[in-house]
């Protein structure tokens, strides 16, 4: 083998090693990002929780209202948007109240032992807590018997939560 050929092969191995290292580092970063968000439903591309809707507006305005990029906050591995700074402050003081229950997963499906993302436009506030639903039928069933669904979902949530990445 000529010296020039050996040099080219060494160069190729070096490039391959750099590519492998980059894949490992970037892959780990991507896995870490995903791992911090699966317990809360987020958009995998933007990192936004509940589709960018203001979680406090469900309580104060009684409607699903899109948040504004100028009023963002990070909590629970997600980016949350708010329609004003007051709502952001309320949320940061009490995310346990304002964040959707069960991480934004549909409580009817959670009661069945399945994690299905809720839709920000299909929601209810029951007992001063926000619930998001994947289907209208689930929202209607929950509204008719919230106590039973909350009991069943509450029993299944810890085990289901353990299957979701931290």
C-alpha atoms as a PDB file:
ATOM      1  CA  UNK A   1       0.000   0.000   0.000  1.00  0.00           C
ATOM      2  CA  UNK A   2       1.376   3.381  -0.893  1.00  0.00           C
ATOM      3  CA  UNK A   3       1.906   6.105   1.658  1.00  0.00           C
ATOM      4  CA  UNK A   4      -0.685   8.241  -0.111  1.00  0.00           C
ATOM      5  CA  UNK A   5      -3.316   5.474   0.067  1.00  0.00           C
ATOM      6  CA  UNK A   6      -2.564   4.862   3.757  1.00  0.00           C
ATOM      7  CA  UNK A   7      -2.960   8.572   4.403  1.00  0.00           C
ATOM      8  CA  UNK A   8      -6.374   8.617   2.633  1.00  0.00           C
ATOM      9  CA  UNK A   9      -7.561   5.574   4.613  1.00  0.00           C
ATOM     10  CA  UNK A  10      -6.455   7.143   7.878  1.00  0.00           C
ATOM     11  CA  UNK A  11      -8.262  10.343   6.903  1.00  0.00           C
ATOM     12  CA  UNK A  12     -11.462   8.389   6.102  1.00  0.00           C
ATOM     13  CA  UNK A  13     -11.270   6.513   9.420  1.00  0.00           C
ATOM     14  CA  UNK A  14     -10.852   9.856  11.202  1.00  0.00           C
ATOM     15  CA  UNK A  15     -13.895  11.298   9.426  1.00  0.00           C
ATOM     16  CA  UNK A  16     -15.896   8.159  10.222  1.00  0.00           C
ATOM     17  CA  UNK A  17     -14.869   8.421  13.891  1.00  0.00           C
ATOM     18  CA  UNK A  18     -15.899  12.079  14.014  1.00  0.00           C
ATOM     19  CA  UNK A  19     -19.250  11.183  12.440  1.00  0.00           C
ATOM     20  CA  UNK A  20     -19.759   8.387  14.941  1.00  0.00           C
ATOM     21  CA  UNK A  21     -18.933  10.666  17.873  1.00  0.00           C
ATOM     22  CA  UNK A  22     -21.262  13.352  16.539  1.00  0.00           C
ATOM     23  CA  UNK A  23     -24.071  10.812  16.190  1.00  0.00           C
ATOM     24  CA  UNK A  24     -23.550   9.611  19.753  1.00  0.00           C
ATOM     25  CA  UNK A  25     -23.458  13.139  21.175  1.00  0.00           C
ATOM     26  CA  UNK A  26     -26.404  14.415  19.141  1.00  0.00           C
ATOM     27  CA  UNK A  27     -28.345  11.230  19.717  1.00  0.00           C
ATOM     28  CA  UNK A  28     -27.821  11.530  23.467  1.00  0.00           C
ATOM     29  CA  UNK A  29     -28.947  15.160  23.402  1.00  0.00           C
ATOM     30  CA  UNK A  30     -32.059  14.241  21.435  1.00  0.00           C
ATOM     31  CA  UNK A  31     -32.806  11.367  23.793  1.00  0.00           C
ATOM     32  CA  UNK A  32     -32.331  13.620  26.805  1.00  0.00           C
ATOM     33  CA  UNK A  33     -34.722  16.172  25.328  1.00  0.00           C
ATOM     34  CA  UNK A  34     -37.350  13.539  24.609  1.00  0.00           C
ATOM     35  CA  UNK A  35     -36.875  12.038  28.032  1.00  0.00           C
ATOM     36  CA  UNK A  36     -37.687  15.329  29.737  1.00  0.00           C
ATOM     37  CA  UNK A  37     -40.917  15.871  27.853  1.00  0.00           C
ATOM     38  CA  UNK A  38     -42.807  12.593  27.638  1.00  0.00           C
ATOM     39  CA  UNK A  39     -44.377  12.977  31.059  1.00  0.00           C
ATOM     40  CA  UNK A  40     -45.987  16.163  29.755  1.00  0.00           C
ATOM     41  CA  UNK A  41     -47.542  16.199  26.292  1.00  0.00           C
ATOM     42  CA  UNK A  42     -45.465  18.505  24.081  1.00  0.00           C
ATOM     43  CA  UNK A  43     -44.935  19.132  20.410  1.00  0.00           C
ATOM     44  CA  UNK A  44     -41.719  17.245  19.608  1.00  0.00           C
ATOM     45  CA  UNK A  45     -40.641  19.882  17.095  1.00  0.00           C
ATOM     46  CA  UNK A  46     -41.272  23.050  19.102  1.00  0.00           C
ATOM     47  CA  UNK A  47     -41.178  21.800  22.686  1.00  0.00           C
ATOM     48  CA  UNK A  48     -44.466  23.609  23.331  1.00  0.00           C
ATOM     49  CA  UNK A  49     -46.818  22.186  25.911  1.00  0.00           C
ATOM     50  CA  UNK A  50     -50.514  21.946  25.055  1.00  0.00           C
ATOM     51  CA  UNK A  51     -50.046  23.303  21.553  1.00  0.00           C
ATOM     52  CA  UNK A  52     -48.946  26.728  22.765  1.00  0.00           C
ATOM     53  CA  UNK A  53     -52.270  27.421  24.468  1.00  0.00           C
ATOM     54  CA  UNK A  54     -52.306  29.432  27.697  1.00  0.00           C
ATOM     55  CA  UNK A  55     -53.153  26.964  30.503  1.00  0.00           C
ATOM     56  CA  UNK A  56     -54.316  29.749  32.841  1.00  0.00           C
ATOM     57  CA  UNK A  57     -56.783  31.145  30.267  1.00  0.00           C
ATOM     58  CA  UNK A  58     -58.914  28.003  30.583  1.00  0.00           C
ATOM     59  CA  UNK A  59     -59.592  29.124  34.165  1.00  0.00           C
ATOM     60  CA  UNK A  60     -59.682  32.919  33.816  1.00  0.00           C
ATOM     61  CA  UNK A  61     -61.211  33.356  30.356  1.00  0.00           C
ATOM     62  CA  UNK A  62     -63.102  30.050  30.181  1.00  0.00           C
ATOM     63  CA  UNK A  63     -61.714  29.434  26.699  1.00  0.00           C
ATOM     64  CA  UNK A  64     -58.748  27.938  24.906  1.00  0.00           C
ATOM     65  CA  UNK A  65     -56.551  30.919  24.098  1.00  0.00           C
ATOM     66  CA  UNK A  66     -53.223  30.772  22.281  1.00  0.00           C
ATOM     67  CA  UNK A  67     -50.282  32.086  24.234  1.00  0.00           C
ATOM     68  CA  UNK A  68     -47.779  34.613  22.931  1.00  0.00           C
ATOM     69  CA  UNK A  69     -44.090  33.960  22.329  1.00  0.00           C
ATOM     70  CA  UNK A  70     -43.197  37.014  24.445  1.00  0.00           C
ATOM     71  CA  UNK A  71     -44.821  35.376  27.490  1.00  0.00           C
ATOM     72  CA  UNK A  72     -43.051  32.004  27.656  1.00  0.00           C
ATOM     73  CA  UNK A  73     -41.788  29.969  30.575  1.00  0.00           C
ATOM     74  CA  UNK A  74     -40.115  26.590  30.959  1.00  0.00           C
ATOM     75  CA  UNK A  75     -41.480  24.083  33.445  1.00  0.00           C
ATOM     76  CA  UNK A  76     -41.673  20.286  33.637  1.00  0.00           C
ATOM     77  CA  UNK A  77     -39.391  19.907  30.625  1.00  0.00           C
ATOM     78  CA  UNK A  78     -41.702  21.895  28.358  1.00  0.00           C
ATOM     79  CA  UNK A  79     -42.166  25.419  27.046  1.00  0.00           C
ATOM     80  CA  UNK A  80     -45.449  26.993  28.102  1.00  0.00           C
ATOM     81  CA  UNK A  81     -46.961  30.067  26.481  1.00  0.00           C
ATOM     82  CA  UNK A  82     -49.294  32.597  28.052  1.00  0.00           C
ATOM     83  CA  UNK A  83     -51.474  35.407  26.766  1.00  0.00           C
ATOM     84  CA  UNK A  84     -50.069  37.885  29.309  1.00  0.00           C
ATOM     85  CA  UNK A  85     -47.434  38.208  32.021  1.00  0.00           C
ATOM     86  CA  UNK A  86     -49.995  37.829  34.811  1.00  0.00           C
ATOM     87  CA  UNK A  87     -51.025  34.398  33.562  1.00  0.00           C
ATOM     88  CA  UNK A  88     -47.366  33.395  33.326  1.00  0.00           C
ATOM     89  CA  UNK A  89     -46.837  34.480  36.948  1.00  0.00           C
ATOM     90  CA  UNK A  90     -49.916  32.570  38.135  1.00  0.00           C
ATOM     91  CA  UNK A  91     -48.730  29.433  36.357  1.00  0.00           C
ATOM     92  CA  UNK A  92     -45.179  29.613  37.663  1.00  0.00           C
ATOM     93  CA  UNK A  93     -46.481  30.060  41.196  1.00  0.00           C
ATOM     94  CA  UNK A  94     -48.840  27.043  40.948  1.00  0.00           C
ATOM     95  CA  UNK A  95     -48.184  24.780  37.947  1.00  0.00           C
ATOM     96  CA  UNK A  96     -49.825  21.947  39.903  1.00  0.00           C
ATOM     97  CA  UNK A  97     -53.127  23.804  39.593  1.00  0.00           C
ATOM     98  CA  UNK A  98     -52.891  25.278  36.096  1.00  0.00           C
ATOM     99  CA  UNK A  99     -51.073  22.555  34.140  1.00  0.00           C
ATOM    100  CA  UNK A 100     -53.376  19.929  32.655  1.00  0.00           C
ATOM    101  CA  UNK A 101     -53.797  16.911  34.861  1.00  0.00           C
ATOM    102  CA  UNK A 102     -52.154  13.637  33.883  1.00  0.00           C
ATOM    103  CA  UNK A 103     -49.538  15.613  31.937  1.00  0.00           C
ATOM    104  CA  UNK A 104     -52.105  16.532  29.280  1.00  0.00           C
ATOM    105  CA  UNK A 105     -52.991  12.936  28.504  1.00  0.00           C
ATOM    106  CA  UNK A 106     -56.677  12.112  28.091  1.00  0.00           C
ATOM    107  CA  UNK A 107     -57.973  11.012  31.531  1.00  0.00           C
ATOM    108  CA  UNK A 108     -60.491   8.611  29.999  1.00  0.00           C
ATOM    109  CA  UNK A 109     -57.670   6.790  28.219  1.00  0.00           C
ATOM    110  CA  UNK A 110     -55.481   7.004  31.334  1.00  0.00           C
ATOM    111  CA  UNK A 111     -58.331   5.284  33.210  1.00  0.00           C
ATOM    112  CA  UNK A 112     -58.003   2.470  30.648  1.00  0.00           C
ATOM    113  CA  UNK A 113     -54.236   2.351  31.220  1.00  0.00           C
ATOM    114  CA  UNK A 114     -53.261   4.044  27.945  1.00  0.00           C
ATOM    115  CA  UNK A 115     -51.385   7.333  27.424  1.00  0.00           C
ATOM    116  CA  UNK A 116     -53.123   9.219  24.596  1.00  0.00           C
ATOM    117  CA  UNK A 117     -52.359  12.910  24.159  1.00  0.00           C
ATOM    118  CA  UNK A 118     -55.198  15.291  24.817  1.00  0.00           C
ATOM    119  CA  UNK A 119     -56.245  18.012  22.395  1.00  0.00           C
ATOM    120  CA  UNK A 120     -55.983  21.597  23.653  1.00  0.00           C
ATOM    121  CA  UNK A 121     -59.349  22.401  22.084  1.00  0.00           C
ATOM    122  CA  UNK A 122     -61.153  19.520  23.838  1.00  0.00           C
ATOM    123  CA  UNK A 123     -61.042  20.432  27.488  1.00  0.00           C
ATOM    124  CA  UNK A 124     -62.914  20.701  30.767  1.00  0.00           C
ATOM    125  CA  UNK A 125     -62.176  22.329  34.087  1.00  0.00           C
ATOM    126  CA  UNK A 126     -63.588  20.104  36.821  1.00  0.00           C
ATOM    127  CA  UNK A 127     -62.832  20.586  40.508  1.00  0.00           C
ATOM    128  CA  UNK A 128     -60.451  23.470  39.727  1.00  0.00           C
ATOM    129  CA  UNK A 129     -58.290  21.223  37.526  1.00  0.00           C
ATOM    130  CA  UNK A 130     -57.776  21.226  33.767  1.00  0.00           C
ATOM    131  CA  UNK A 131     -58.304  18.064  31.715  1.00  0.00           C
ATOM    132  CA  UNK A 132     -57.583  17.636  27.996  1.00  0.00           C
ATOM    133  CA  UNK A 133     -59.255  14.984  25.859  1.00  0.00           C
ATOM    134  CA  UNK A 134     -58.304  13.214  22.663  1.00  0.00           C
ATOM    135  CA  UNK A 135     -61.888  12.828  21.440  1.00  0.00           C
ATOM    136  CA  UNK A 136     -65.211  14.544  22.038  1.00  0.00           C
ATOM    137  CA  UNK A 137     -66.756  11.232  23.102  1.00  0.00           C
ATOM    138  CA  UNK A 138     -64.196  10.956  25.892  1.00  0.00           C
ATOM    139  CA  UNK A 139     -64.877  14.508  27.060  1.00  0.00           C
ATOM    140  CA  UNK A 140     -68.628  13.853  27.109  1.00  0.00           C
ATOM    141  CA  UNK A 141     -68.224  10.566  28.990  1.00  0.00           C
ATOM    142  CA  UNK A 142     -65.910  12.232  31.523  1.00  0.00           C
ATOM    143  CA  UNK A 143     -68.329  15.134  32.026  1.00  0.00           C
ATOM    144  CA  UNK A 144     -71.130  12.659  32.778  1.00  0.00           C
ATOM    145  CA  UNK A 145     -69.150  10.802  35.459  1.00  0.00           C
ATOM    146  CA  UNK A 146     -65.920  12.616  36.414  1.00  0.00           C
ATOM    147  CA  UNK A 147     -65.614  10.964  39.836  1.00  0.00           C
ATOM    148  CA  UNK A 148     -65.430   7.449  38.395  1.00  0.00           C
ATOM    149  CA  UNK A 149     -62.957   8.378  35.661  1.00  0.00           C
ATOM    150  CA  UNK A 150     -60.777  10.295  38.114  1.00  0.00           C
ATOM    151  CA  UNK A 151     -60.769   7.366  40.523  1.00  0.00           C
ATOM    152  CA  UNK A 152     -59.813   4.907  37.771  1.00  0.00           C
ATOM    153  CA  UNK A 153     -57.281   7.263  36.176  1.00  0.00           C
ATOM    154  CA  UNK A 154     -55.773   8.065  39.571  1.00  0.00           C
ATOM    155  CA  UNK A 155     -55.228   4.361  40.225  1.00  0.00           C
ATOM    156  CA  UNK A 156     -53.663   3.710  36.806  1.00  0.00           C
ATOM    157  CA  UNK A 157     -51.619   6.930  36.462  1.00  0.00           C
ATOM    158  CA  UNK A 158     -48.653   5.976  38.706  1.00  0.00           C
ATOM    159  CA  UNK A 159     -47.987   2.782  36.766  1.00  0.00           C
ATOM    160  CA  UNK A 160     -48.554   4.486  33.417  1.00  0.00           C
ATOM    161  CA  UNK A 161     -46.307   7.365  34.454  1.00  0.00           C
ATOM    162  CA  UNK A 162     -43.518   4.921  35.237  1.00  0.00           C
ATOM    163  CA  UNK A 163     -43.596   3.746  31.604  1.00  0.00           C
ATOM    164  CA  UNK A 164     -43.118   7.285  30.297  1.00  0.00           C
ATOM    165  CA  UNK A 165     -39.611   8.698  30.028  1.00  0.00           C
ATOM    166  CA  UNK A 166     -38.480  11.067  32.755  1.00  0.00           C
END
